[in-house]
Amino acid sequence: MIRRHHYRRTKGETPNLDVTTLMNLMVILVPFLLISAVFSRVAVMELNVPTRAGGSALNKPNFTIEVIVRKAGLEIANGSHVEAALPRKDGQYDLQLLNDMLKRVKDKYPEKDDATVLMEPDIEYDYLIKVMDTVRGAEAQGEKMAMVLFPNISIGDAP
C-alpha cells in the first residue's frame, strides 16, 4: 500500500515536461545543418539522344557533325569518316582550334543547327561540358557578342 500511495497523483495535477535537452539539441543541430548545406545552382540542359530512325529531314543538310573526344585529342567527323584530328596540347584539348573549325563549318552551312558529341570511356566529365559549350556557341572575335554555332547537341559513346 505504501508503494501505491507513493505513486498516486492527485486528479488535477498535470505532469511537467522537461524539453531543455531537446532544445539544446535543436540549438546545435540547426546551425550545423545550415552551415553544411550545399547551395548550388541547378542548370538543366536539353539534350537529344541520337536514334537510328531518322526524323523529318526536310530543308536540312544530309550530313552530321560529330565531335569525338578521345584521350589523344579531338576529332571532327561527318558521320562516315574523320575530317580533322586535333591532338592535345600540353595535356589539354585545343578548344580554340575546335571553335575555329566549327565556325568554318557554320559559315558553309548556316542552316545546320545540330551536332553530336561522342566520348570515349574514362574521360572526365568536365571535358564533356567544355566541348559541348564550344560546340554550342562562341564569342565573336574581338566582341563580347555570343555566336550560336550548333545549339542542338546529341551525346553518345565514341566508336
Protein backbone atom coordinates (compact mmCIF):
# COMPACT_ATOMS: atom_id res chain seq x y z
CA MET A 1 0.00 0.00 0.00
CA ILE A 2 2.76 2.40 0.73
CA ARG A 3 4.12 1.92 -2.73
CA ARG A 4 0.75 2.57 -4.36
CA HIS A 5 0.28 5.66 -2.30
CA HIS A 6 3.76 6.88 -3.22
CA TYR A 7 2.97 6.87 -6.98
CA ARG A 8 -0.58 8.12 -6.72
CA ARG A 9 -1.11 11.62 -8.04
CA THR A 10 -3.89 13.97 -7.34
CA LYS A 11 -6.54 14.33 -10.08
CA GLY A 12 -5.94 17.94 -11.09
CA GLU A 13 -2.14 17.77 -11.41
CA THR A 14 -0.52 17.72 -14.92
CA PRO A 15 2.94 16.26 -15.46
CA ASN A 16 5.75 18.71 -16.29
CA LEU A 17 7.69 18.04 -19.47
CA ASP A 18 11.37 18.85 -19.44
CA VAL A 19 12.26 19.90 -23.00
CA THR A 20 15.57 21.51 -22.11
CA THR A 21 17.59 18.66 -23.60
CA LEU A 22 15.59 18.72 -26.82
CA MET A 23 16.02 22.48 -27.13
CA ASN A 24 19.77 22.18 -26.59
CA LEU A 25 19.91 19.60 -29.35
CA MET A 26 17.99 21.86 -31.75
CA VAL A 27 20.19 24.85 -30.93
CA ILE A 28 23.21 22.78 -32.01
CA LEU A 29 21.66 20.95 -34.98
CA VAL A 30 20.03 23.85 -36.82
CA PRO A 31 23.21 25.94 -37.33
CA PHE A 32 25.22 22.82 -38.15
CA LEU A 33 22.76 21.76 -40.85
CA LEU A 34 22.57 25.28 -42.29
CA ILE A 35 26.36 25.56 -42.47
CA SER A 36 26.84 22.14 -44.01
CA ALA A 37 24.08 22.58 -46.61
CA VAL A 38 25.40 22.82 -50.15
CA PHE A 39 23.91 25.71 -52.02
CA SER A 40 24.20 25.00 -55.73
CA ARG A 41 22.57 26.24 -58.85
CA VAL A 42 20.90 23.57 -60.89
CA ALA A 43 21.09 24.12 -64.62
CA VAL A 44 19.06 21.98 -66.95
CA MET A 45 20.42 21.38 -70.40
CA GLU A 46 18.16 19.88 -73.02
CA LEU A 47 19.94 17.15 -74.97
CA ASN A 48 18.95 14.91 -77.83
CA VAL A 49 19.86 11.25 -77.90
CA PRO A 50 20.77 10.03 -81.39
CA THR A 51 18.40 7.43 -82.79
CA ARG A 52 18.62 5.09 -85.73
CA ALA A 53 15.22 6.10 -87.09
CA GLY A 54 15.65 9.36 -88.95
CA GLY A 55 13.05 12.03 -88.43
CA SER A 56 11.94 14.63 -90.89
CA ALA A 57 14.96 15.63 -92.93
CA LEU A 58 13.38 18.40 -94.96
CA ASN A 59 15.50 21.50 -95.51
CA LYS A 60 18.40 20.03 -93.55
CA PRO A 61 21.83 19.09 -94.86
CA ASN A 62 22.29 15.36 -95.30
CA PHE A 63 25.43 15.10 -93.19
CA THR A 64 26.13 15.06 -89.50
CA ILE A 65 28.70 16.90 -87.46
CA GLU A 66 30.39 14.67 -84.91
CA VAL A 67 32.93 15.87 -82.39
CA ILE A 68 34.68 12.81 -80.94
CA VAL A 69 36.54 13.28 -77.67
CA ARG A 70 39.38 10.78 -77.34
CA LYS A 71 42.23 10.54 -74.86
CA ALA A 72 44.67 11.50 -77.61
CA GLY A 73 42.67 14.52 -78.77
CA LEU A 74 39.56 15.69 -80.58
CA GLU A 75 38.27 14.50 -83.93
CA ILE A 76 35.73 16.14 -86.21
CA ALA A 77 33.82 13.65 -88.35
CA ASN A 78 30.97 13.87 -90.84
CA GLY A 79 29.26 10.63 -89.85
CA SER A 80 31.24 8.34 -92.14
CA HIS A 81 34.88 9.37 -91.79
CA VAL A 82 37.11 11.71 -89.79
CA GLU A 83 37.57 15.12 -91.38
CA ALA A 84 40.12 16.54 -88.92
CA ALA A 85 42.10 15.39 -85.89
CA LEU A 86 43.13 17.88 -83.20
CA PRO A 87 45.81 16.44 -80.89
CA ARG A 88 46.08 17.52 -77.26
CA LYS A 89 48.49 20.35 -76.45
CA ASP A 90 50.27 20.21 -73.09
CA GLY A 91 47.68 17.73 -71.82
CA GLN A 92 44.74 20.00 -72.75
CA TYR A 93 42.25 19.80 -75.60
CA ASP A 94 42.62 22.56 -78.19
CA LEU A 95 39.15 24.05 -77.84
CA GLN A 96 40.10 27.26 -79.65
CA LEU A 97 41.06 25.35 -82.80
CA LEU A 98 37.85 23.31 -82.49
CA ASN A 99 35.92 26.56 -82.22
CA ASP A 100 37.58 27.97 -85.34
CA MET A 101 36.88 24.82 -87.36
CA LEU A 102 33.25 24.70 -86.26
CA LYS A 103 32.85 28.38 -87.24
CA ARG A 104 34.03 27.50 -90.74
CA VAL A 105 31.51 24.66 -90.94
CA LYS A 106 28.76 27.01 -89.71
CA ASP A 107 29.70 29.61 -92.33
CA LYS A 108 29.47 26.94 -95.03
CA TYR A 109 26.17 25.51 -93.72
CA PRO A 110 24.34 28.28 -91.83
CA GLU A 111 21.06 26.29 -91.68
CA LYS A 112 22.73 23.39 -89.84
CA ASP A 113 21.95 23.61 -86.12
CA ASP A 114 22.66 20.15 -84.69
CA ALA A 115 25.81 18.27 -83.78
CA THR A 116 26.80 15.14 -81.91
CA VAL A 117 29.45 14.90 -79.18
CA LEU A 118 30.84 11.38 -78.73
CA MET A 119 33.10 10.48 -75.81
CA GLU A 120 35.45 7.62 -75.09
CA PRO A 121 35.12 5.97 -71.68
CA ASP A 122 37.24 7.22 -68.76
CA ILE A 123 37.31 10.85 -69.89
CA GLU A 124 36.49 13.45 -67.26
CA TYR A 125 33.00 14.92 -67.23
CA ASP A 126 34.46 18.43 -67.18
CA TYR A 127 35.83 17.91 -70.70
CA LEU A 128 32.37 16.90 -71.94
CA ILE A 129 30.93 20.18 -70.66
CA LYS A 130 33.77 22.25 -72.14
CA VAL A 131 33.44 20.58 -75.55
CA MET A 132 29.65 20.96 -75.50
CA ASP A 133 29.99 24.67 -74.67
CA THR A 134 32.41 25.06 -77.57
CA VAL A 135 30.10 23.21 -79.99
CA ARG A 136 27.03 25.17 -78.82
CA GLY A 137 28.43 28.64 -79.33
CA ALA A 138 31.34 31.01 -79.26
CA GLU A 139 32.22 34.62 -78.74
CA ALA A 140 32.66 36.61 -81.90
CA GLN A 141 36.23 37.68 -82.49
CA GLY A 142 37.04 40.90 -80.67
CA GLU A 143 33.49 41.30 -79.41
CA LYS A 144 31.52 40.03 -76.45
CA MET A 145 28.58 39.12 -78.64
CA ALA A 146 27.83 35.39 -78.48
CA MET A 147 27.76 33.49 -81.76
CA VAL A 148 25.49 30.47 -81.79
CA LEU A 149 27.01 27.55 -83.69
CA PHE A 150 25.17 24.27 -83.11
CA PRO A 151 22.69 24.59 -80.22
CA ASN A 152 21.03 21.16 -80.67
CA ILE A 153 23.57 18.75 -79.23
CA SER A 154 23.29 14.98 -79.01
CA ILE A 155 25.69 12.97 -76.88
CA GLY A 156 26.83 9.37 -77.07
CA ASP A 157 29.70 6.91 -76.77
CA ALA A 158 32.59 7.13 -79.20
CA PRO A 159 33.03 4.23 -81.62
